[in-house]
Amino acid sequence: MSEPIRGRWYDGHSSQARSVLVSLQAASRGPSLRLHEVAPPGRTLELGSAQVGWPESWSANRAPRTVAIDLREHGSLEVDDVAGWQAALAAAGDRPALAQRMQTRWPVFLAVLVVAAAALGAFYRWGTPWAATQVTRQVPLEWETALSQRALQDLDQSWLKPSKLPAARQTELRERFDALARQLEPRLQRYSGYTPRLSLSFRAGLGANAFALPGGAIVMTDGLVEAAAAQGLGDDALVGVLAHEIGHVVHRHTTRMVVEQAVLNVGLGLALGDVSSLVSIGGSLLTGLAYRRSHETEADCFAVALMRKAQLPTDPMADLLLAMDKLHKAAPEEGGAVASLLSSHPATALRARQLKQGRLEGC
């Protein structure tokens, strides 16, 4: 038990303060407090840690003149010997909560800040992709298919138009696409048991482009077919692009991006207590850049593996990407629609060189 210090006890029954000696003692659930009246009748009051409203800690240069202690139904206690009270608390084994130590000690605040930033960074870098992958495994294929149908309907009403490619040409490319899809084998599958029905459709609009929707729907624009023909490239170039888009489907990249954003927002909400509009926008930008880069690399690696399985060259695809890159640089306003095939990748020249070699970084 600590050395007694003097205090004034207001017992709640009288406005008159009673002079008491205050002692603190260590206990299993925190310090206990003992009051002993100096004047007759010399009552003694003993209270456990949970029966006392302990005052918050303070920094050394902002110590109060008097310590006020809430004794709940037993009134209140005032101690003028602030240093003595603090020493008695320390001797009784009291340890301020982390939040209090952060408020009173800059080193503790900075240490917690560094640990929190590192934890958030680790959650973003490794935790979010891992959690998103696990959640994506549980997303039904039917949900992806319904989402794709709605998305394609919206695109048809806004950006896309019916294809003007001859029916025979469409059939020819679909046969190449179906032959490529038949080369899929279990070792190329990211998700066991995930067997979407791959389909290829054609649209006009959005320049030279191709994109994959969740659940297996892949769209190729007339502009992409025309760009390959204008460069004198055969259908192997278009098949390479389709292999890349099949990679997006097999790896469920669109679904994973939706889940990743949701997981990131939930994680930030748990860590920060709220997700403001600024944090939400920042999270969207982060997932839209870093994670999309990783998805594009995965799709490229998948395309190389699938083309190798089908015994098809990747050089034509590389030549098509280089040609599209030149188009985009020469006329950005006209080539802007091809940016989705070129964005979030390494520099196009490096990507094309790696495709020609059949060896991509990150595979």
Protein backbone atom coordinates (compact mmCIF):
# COMPACT_ATOMS: atom_id res chain seq x y z
CA MET A 1 0.00 0.00 0.00
CA SER A 2 1.22 3.48 -0.88
CA GLU A 3 2.12 6.15 1.66
CA PRO A 4 -1.06 8.01 2.69
CA ILE A 5 -1.67 11.42 1.14
CA ARG A 6 -4.13 14.04 2.35
CA GLY A 7 -7.39 14.70 0.55
CA ARG A 8 -10.88 16.17 0.89
CA TRP A 9 -13.83 13.81 0.75
CA TYR A 10 -17.30 15.00 -0.22
CA ASP A 11 -19.50 12.04 0.72
CA GLY A 12 -22.60 13.28 -1.16
CA HIS A 13 -24.66 13.71 2.01
CA SER A 14 -23.12 16.96 3.18
CA SER A 15 -21.56 19.95 1.45
CA GLN A 16 -18.82 19.98 4.06
CA ALA A 17 -15.52 18.41 3.04
CA ARG A 18 -14.07 15.75 5.30
CA SER A 19 -10.29 15.55 5.69
CA VAL A 20 -9.07 12.06 4.85
CA LEU A 21 -5.89 10.09 4.31
CA VAL A 22 -5.85 8.40 0.93
CA SER A 23 -3.95 5.18 0.20
CA LEU A 24 -3.75 3.14 -2.99
CA GLN A 25 -3.03 -0.57 -3.15
CA ALA A 26 -2.24 -2.88 -6.05
CA ALA A 27 -4.92 -5.44 -6.92
CA SER A 28 -5.51 -8.01 -9.67
CA ARG A 29 -8.05 -5.80 -11.47
CA GLY A 30 -6.36 -2.45 -10.97
CA PRO A 31 -5.56 -0.23 -7.99
CA SER A 32 -7.94 -0.16 -5.03
CA LEU A 33 -8.54 3.02 -3.02
CA ARG A 34 -8.78 3.40 0.76
CA LEU A 35 -10.01 6.51 2.60
CA HIS A 36 -9.63 7.05 6.33
CA GLU A 37 -11.21 10.05 8.04
CA VAL A 38 -8.77 12.10 10.08
CA ALA A 39 -11.42 13.49 12.47
CA PRO A 40 -13.93 11.42 14.46
CA PRO A 41 -15.78 9.21 13.87
CA GLY A 42 -12.78 8.10 11.81
CA ARG A 43 -14.66 6.14 9.18
CA THR A 44 -12.79 4.03 6.65
CA LEU A 45 -13.95 3.45 3.08
CA GLU A 46 -12.40 0.91 0.75
CA LEU A 47 -13.27 0.85 -2.97
CA GLY A 48 -12.21 -1.49 -5.75
CA SER A 49 -10.89 -0.24 -9.08
CA ALA A 50 -14.27 -0.57 -10.83
CA GLN A 51 -15.96 1.57 -8.14
CA VAL A 52 -13.75 4.58 -8.86
CA GLY A 53 -13.86 6.99 -11.79
CA TRP A 54 -10.11 7.38 -12.19
CA PRO A 55 -9.00 10.71 -13.65
CA GLU A 56 -7.16 10.71 -16.97
CA SER A 57 -3.39 11.03 -17.04
CA TRP A 58 -1.74 14.31 -17.90
CA SER A 59 1.57 15.41 -19.32
CA ALA A 60 4.27 16.65 -16.95
CA ASN A 61 4.02 20.26 -18.11
CA ARG A 62 0.21 20.36 -17.92
CA ALA A 63 -0.45 18.94 -14.46
CA PRO A 64 -3.70 20.14 -12.80
CA ARG A 65 -3.64 22.09 -9.56
CA THR A 66 -6.00 19.59 -7.94
CA VAL A 67 -6.89 16.01 -8.78
CA ALA A 68 -10.63 15.26 -8.71
CA ILE A 69 -11.64 11.60 -8.31
CA ASP A 70 -15.21 10.40 -8.86
CA LEU A 71 -16.23 7.94 -6.13
CA ARG A 72 -19.59 7.16 -7.80
CA GLU A 73 -22.29 6.75 -5.15
CA HIS A 74 -19.78 7.65 -2.43
CA GLY A 75 -19.31 11.23 -3.60
CA SER A 76 -16.01 12.62 -4.77
CA LEU A 77 -12.44 13.13 -3.63
CA GLU A 78 -10.01 16.01 -4.16
CA VAL A 79 -6.23 15.77 -3.74
CA ASP A 80 -3.94 18.80 -3.84
CA ASP A 81 -0.72 16.76 -3.80
CA VAL A 82 -0.77 16.01 -7.53
CA ALA A 83 2.74 14.57 -7.60
CA GLY A 84 1.99 12.39 -4.57
CA TRP A 85 -1.19 11.08 -6.20
CA GLN A 86 0.65 10.22 -9.41
CA ALA A 87 3.42 8.47 -7.48
CA ALA A 88 0.85 6.49 -5.47
CA LEU A 89 -0.89 5.38 -8.66
CA ALA A 90 2.37 4.24 -10.19
CA ALA A 91 3.31 2.34 -7.02
CA ALA A 92 -0.09 0.61 -7.10
CA GLY A 93 0.65 -0.70 -10.61
CA ASP A 94 -1.63 1.61 -12.54
CA ARG A 95 -0.85 1.82 -16.27
CA PRO A 96 -2.68 4.45 -18.31
CA ALA A 97 -4.59 3.25 -21.34
CA LEU A 98 -2.87 3.56 -24.73
CA ALA A 99 -5.20 6.38 -25.75
CA GLN A 100 -4.19 8.38 -22.66
CA ARG A 101 -0.50 7.74 -23.21
CA MET A 102 -0.86 8.91 -26.82
CA GLN A 103 -2.36 12.18 -25.55
CA THR A 104 0.37 12.81 -23.00
CA ARG A 105 3.52 11.40 -24.62
CA TRP A 106 4.63 12.36 -28.11
CA PRO A 107 6.93 9.32 -28.56
CA VAL A 108 4.00 6.98 -27.87
CA PHE A 109 1.77 8.90 -30.30
CA LEU A 110 4.39 8.79 -33.05
CA ALA A 111 5.06 5.08 -32.47
CA VAL A 112 1.36 4.25 -32.70
CA LEU A 113 1.05 6.41 -35.82
CA VAL A 114 3.93 4.56 -37.52
CA VAL A 115 2.52 1.14 -36.57
CA ALA A 116 -0.97 2.11 -37.79
CA ALA A 117 0.38 3.40 -41.11
CA ALA A 118 2.42 0.21 -41.58
CA ALA A 119 -0.62 -1.94 -40.75
CA LEU A 120 -2.81 -0.05 -43.23
CA GLY A 121 -0.11 -0.34 -45.88
CA ALA A 122 0.21 -4.08 -45.30
CA PHE A 123 -3.57 -4.47 -45.38
CA TYR A 124 -3.73 -2.62 -48.69
CA ARG A 125 -0.77 -4.42 -50.23
CA TRP A 126 -1.43 -7.98 -49.11
CA GLY A 127 -4.56 -8.21 -47.00
CA THR A 128 -7.03 -6.69 -49.45
CA PRO A 129 -6.04 -8.83 -52.49
CA TRP A 130 -6.00 -11.99 -50.35
CA ALA A 131 -9.38 -11.26 -48.78
CA ALA A 132 -10.85 -10.27 -52.14
CA THR A 133 -9.66 -13.52 -53.72
CA GLN A 134 -11.30 -15.56 -50.95
CA VAL A 135 -14.58 -13.63 -51.20
CA THR A 136 -14.56 -13.85 -55.00
CA ARG A 137 -14.50 -17.66 -54.74
CA GLN A 138 -17.96 -17.44 -53.16
CA VAL A 139 -19.50 -15.12 -55.77
CA PRO A 140 -22.02 -17.11 -57.86
CA LEU A 141 -21.47 -17.29 -61.61
CA GLU A 142 -25.14 -16.36 -62.05
CA TRP A 143 -24.49 -13.00 -60.36
CA GLU A 144 -21.63 -12.28 -62.75
CA THR A 145 -23.75 -13.23 -65.76
CA ALA A 146 -26.61 -10.98 -64.68
CA LEU A 147 -24.16 -8.12 -64.04
CA SER A 148 -22.66 -8.56 -67.52
CA GLN A 149 -26.03 -8.51 -69.21
CA ARG A 150 -26.99 -5.26 -67.50
CA ALA A 151 -23.59 -3.70 -68.23
CA LEU A 152 -23.72 -4.64 -71.92
CA GLN A 153 -27.24 -3.27 -72.21
CA ASP A 154 -26.08 0.04 -70.75
CA LEU A 155 -23.11 0.15 -73.14
CA ASP A 156 -25.35 -0.62 -76.10
CA GLN A 157 -27.57 2.30 -75.16
CA SER A 158 -24.68 4.74 -74.73
CA TRP A 159 -21.32 3.96 -76.34
CA LEU A 160 -21.72 0.94 -78.56
CA LYS A 161 -23.54 0.29 -81.82
CA PRO A 162 -24.30 -2.89 -83.79
CA SER A 163 -21.27 -4.31 -85.59
CA LYS A 164 -20.91 -3.67 -89.29
CA LEU A 165 -18.56 -6.59 -89.84
CA PRO A 166 -19.89 -9.07 -92.41
CA ALA A 167 -21.57 -12.10 -90.83
CA ALA A 168 -19.04 -14.40 -92.49
CA ARG A 169 -16.17 -12.46 -90.94
CA GLN A 170 -17.78 -12.62 -87.50
CA THR A 171 -18.29 -16.36 -87.87
CA GLU A 172 -14.66 -16.81 -88.90
CA LEU A 173 -13.38 -14.98 -85.82
CA ARG A 174 -15.80 -16.79 -83.52
CA GLU A 175 -14.51 -20.12 -84.79
CA ARG A 176 -10.95 -19.04 -83.97
CA PHE A 177 -12.16 -17.89 -80.57
CA ASP A 178 -13.98 -21.16 -79.84
CA ALA A 179 -10.93 -23.16 -80.90
CA LEU A 180 -8.80 -21.11 -78.52
CA ALA A 181 -11.28 -21.56 -75.66
CA ARG A 182 -11.13 -25.34 -76.14
CA GLN A 183 -7.42 -25.20 -75.25
CA LEU A 184 -8.26 -24.25 -71.67
CA GLU A 185 -7.10 -26.83 -69.16
CA PRO A 186 -7.24 -27.08 -65.36
CA ARG A 187 -3.68 -25.81 -64.82
CA LEU A 188 -4.68 -22.51 -66.46
CA GLN A 189 -7.73 -22.07 -64.20
CA ARG A 190 -7.33 -19.66 -61.26
CA TYR A 191 -10.51 -20.78 -59.49
CA SER A 192 -11.22 -24.49 -59.19
CA GLY A 193 -14.68 -25.40 -60.45
CA TYR A 194 -15.21 -22.00 -62.10
CA THR A 195 -16.42 -22.78 -65.64
CA PRO A 196 -17.97 -19.70 -67.27
CA ARG A 197 -19.43 -20.01 -70.75
CA LEU A 198 -17.06 -18.01 -72.95
CA SER A 199 -18.74 -16.07 -75.75
CA LEU A 200 -17.55 -13.52 -78.29
CA SER A 201 -19.68 -10.70 -79.65
CA PHE A 202 -18.92 -7.75 -81.90
CA ARG A 203 -19.83 -4.09 -81.63
CA ALA A 204 -18.99 -0.82 -83.36
CA GLY A 205 -17.75 2.14 -81.36
CA LEU A 206 -15.04 2.79 -78.75
CA GLY A 207 -12.36 2.72 -81.44
CA ALA A 208 -9.99 -0.24 -81.63
CA ASN A 209 -10.85 -2.09 -78.46
CA ALA A 210 -11.71 -5.38 -76.78
CA PHE A 211 -12.95 -5.99 -73.26
CA ALA A 212 -14.14 -8.80 -71.01
CA LEU A 213 -17.20 -8.78 -68.80
CA PRO A 214 -17.72 -11.00 -65.75
CA GLY A 215 -19.07 -14.45 -66.43
CA GLY A 216 -17.44 -15.06 -69.83
CA ALA A 217 -18.75 -12.39 -72.21
CA ILE A 218 -16.05 -10.83 -74.39
CA VAL A 219 -16.62 -7.95 -76.80
CA MET A 220 -14.39 -7.02 -79.75
CA THR A 221 -14.97 -3.83 -81.70
CA ASP A 222 -14.92 -3.40 -85.45
CA GLY A 223 -12.16 -0.85 -84.98
CA LEU A 224 -9.78 -3.48 -83.60
CA VAL A 225 -10.42 -5.84 -86.50
CA GLU A 226 -9.89 -2.97 -88.95
CA ALA A 227 -6.70 -1.83 -87.17
CA ALA A 228 -5.18 -5.31 -87.50
CA ALA A 229 -6.11 -5.45 -91.19
CA ALA A 230 -4.67 -1.98 -91.81
CA GLN A 231 -1.33 -3.14 -90.37
CA GLY A 232 -1.33 -6.24 -92.54
CA LEU A 233 -1.60 -8.49 -89.48
CA GLY A 234 -3.35 -11.84 -89.62
CA ASP A 235 -5.96 -13.16 -87.24
CA ASP A 236 -3.30 -14.50 -84.88
CA ALA A 237 -2.91 -10.91 -83.64
CA LEU A 238 -6.61 -10.72 -82.79
CA VAL A 239 -6.54 -14.18 -81.24
CA GLY A 240 -3.72 -13.01 -78.95
CA VAL A 241 -5.86 -10.12 -77.75
CA LEU A 242 -8.77 -12.52 -77.20
CA ALA A 243 -6.48 -14.79 -75.16
CA HIS A 244 -5.67 -11.78 -72.98
CA GLU A 245 -9.38 -11.08 -72.47
CA ILE A 246 -10.08 -14.74 -71.65
CA GLY A 247 -7.42 -14.32 -68.97
CA HIS A 248 -9.47 -11.51 -67.42
CA VAL A 249 -12.51 -13.79 -67.36
CA VAL A 250 -10.71 -16.84 -65.95
CA HIS A 251 -9.07 -14.73 -63.22
CA ARG A 252 -12.41 -12.98 -62.51
CA HIS A 253 -10.68 -9.61 -62.56
CA THR A 254 -13.78 -7.43 -62.82
CA THR A 255 -15.44 -9.24 -59.92
CA ARG A 256 -12.23 -9.05 -57.91
CA MET A 257 -11.98 -5.29 -58.48
CA VAL A 258 -15.54 -4.81 -57.18
CA VAL A 259 -14.78 -6.99 -54.15
CA GLU A 260 -11.37 -5.38 -53.59
CA GLN A 261 -12.92 -1.93 -53.41
CA ALA A 262 -15.57 -3.15 -50.97
CA VAL A 263 -12.97 -4.91 -48.79
CA LEU A 264 -10.72 -1.83 -48.82
CA ASN A 265 -13.58 0.47 -47.80
CA VAL A 266 -14.66 -1.88 -45.01
CA GLY A 267 -11.07 -2.18 -43.78
CA LEU A 268 -10.58 1.59 -43.78
CA GLY A 269 -13.89 2.02 -41.99
CA LEU A 270 -12.84 -0.40 -39.24
CA ALA A 271 -9.42 1.24 -38.92
CA LEU A 272 -10.51 4.88 -39.07
CA GLY A 273 -14.04 4.65 -37.70
CA ASP A 274 -15.51 6.21 -40.84
CA VAL A 275 -14.81 6.34 -44.56
CA SER A 276 -15.08 9.93 -45.71
CA SER A 277 -15.65 10.76 -49.36
CA LEU A 278 -11.97 11.68 -49.69
CA VAL A 279 -10.79 8.35 -48.29
CA SER A 280 -13.28 6.49 -50.47
CA ILE A 281 -12.09 8.28 -53.61
CA GLY A 282 -8.48 7.66 -52.62
CA GLY A 283 -9.19 3.97 -52.14
CA SER A 284 -10.84 3.80 -55.56
CA LEU A 285 -7.80 5.39 -57.18
CA LEU A 286 -5.41 3.02 -55.42
CA THR A 287 -7.31 -0.10 -56.43
CA GLY A 288 -7.84 1.25 -59.93
CA LEU A 289 -4.09 1.67 -60.46
CA ALA A 290 -2.09 -0.91 -58.53
CA TYR A 291 -4.54 -3.77 -58.64
CA ARG A 292 -5.41 -3.24 -62.28
CA ARG A 293 -1.71 -3.37 -63.11
CA SER A 294 -1.46 -6.72 -61.41
CA HIS A 295 -4.59 -7.94 -63.19
CA GLU A 296 -3.24 -6.91 -66.58
CA THR A 297 0.02 -8.71 -65.91
CA GLU A 298 -1.92 -11.84 -64.95
CA ALA A 299 -3.96 -11.61 -68.15
CA ASP A 300 -0.80 -11.19 -70.25
CA CYS A 301 0.82 -14.21 -68.58
CA PHE A 302 -2.34 -16.22 -69.16
CA ALA A 303 -2.42 -15.18 -72.83
CA VAL A 304 1.16 -16.34 -73.37
CA ALA A 305 0.44 -19.71 -71.71
CA LEU A 306 -2.79 -20.22 -73.66
CA MET A 307 -1.24 -19.24 -77.00
CA ARG A 308 1.67 -21.60 -76.33
CA LYS A 309 -0.82 -24.40 -75.52
CA ALA A 310 -2.64 -23.67 -78.81
CA GLN A 311 0.73 -23.59 -80.61
CA LEU A 312 0.10 -20.02 -81.79
CA PRO A 313 2.67 -17.19 -81.99
CA THR A 314 2.52 -14.13 -79.73
CA ASP A 315 4.52 -11.92 -82.12
CA PRO A 316 1.42 -10.75 -84.05
CA MET A 317 -0.24 -9.60 -80.83
CA ALA A 318 2.90 -7.64 -79.94
CA ASP A 319 2.93 -6.03 -83.41
CA LEU A 320 -0.73 -5.04 -83.03
CA LEU A 321 -0.08 -3.44 -79.63
CA LEU A 322 2.84 -1.45 -81.06
CA ALA A 323 0.71 -0.26 -83.97
CA MET A 324 -2.09 0.80 -81.62
CA ASP A 325 0.42 2.61 -79.41
CA LYS A 326 1.65 4.60 -82.42
CA LEU A 327 -1.95 5.43 -83.33
CA HIS A 328 -2.66 6.66 -79.84
CA LYS A 329 0.47 8.83 -79.73
CA ALA A 330 -0.09 10.26 -83.20
CA ALA A 331 -3.73 11.18 -82.62
CA PRO A 332 -4.66 10.96 -78.92
CA GLU A 333 -8.17 12.27 -79.51
CA GLU A 334 -8.79 9.53 -82.06
CA GLY A 335 -6.76 6.79 -80.42
CA GLY A 336 -7.97 7.50 -76.91
CA ALA A 337 -10.45 4.63 -77.07
CA VAL A 338 -7.62 2.12 -77.39
CA ALA A 339 -6.13 3.20 -74.08
CA SER A 340 -7.78 0.34 -72.17
CA LEU A 341 -5.64 -2.15 -74.05
CA LEU A 342 -2.47 -0.18 -73.37
CA SER A 343 -3.04 1.30 -69.90
CA SER A 344 -1.86 -0.17 -66.60
CA HIS A 345 0.85 -2.19 -68.39
CA PRO A 346 4.59 -1.67 -68.58
CA ALA A 347 5.72 0.55 -71.43
CA THR A 348 4.21 -0.85 -74.63
CA ALA A 349 7.61 -1.37 -76.28
CA LEU A 350 8.79 -3.41 -73.29
CA ARG A 351 5.55 -5.36 -73.20
CA ALA A 352 5.77 -6.10 -76.95
CA ARG A 353 9.38 -7.25 -76.63
CA GLN A 354 8.48 -9.59 -73.79
CA LEU A 355 5.52 -10.98 -75.75
CA LYS A 356 7.79 -11.70 -78.70
CA GLN A 357 10.16 -13.53 -76.37
CA GLY A 358 7.28 -15.37 -74.71
CA ARG A 359 8.60 -14.37 -71.29
CA LEU A 360 6.78 -11.70 -69.27
CA GLU A 361 7.93 -10.17 -66.01
CA GLY A 362 5.73 -11.28 -63.14
CA CYS A 363 4.74 -14.62 -64.70
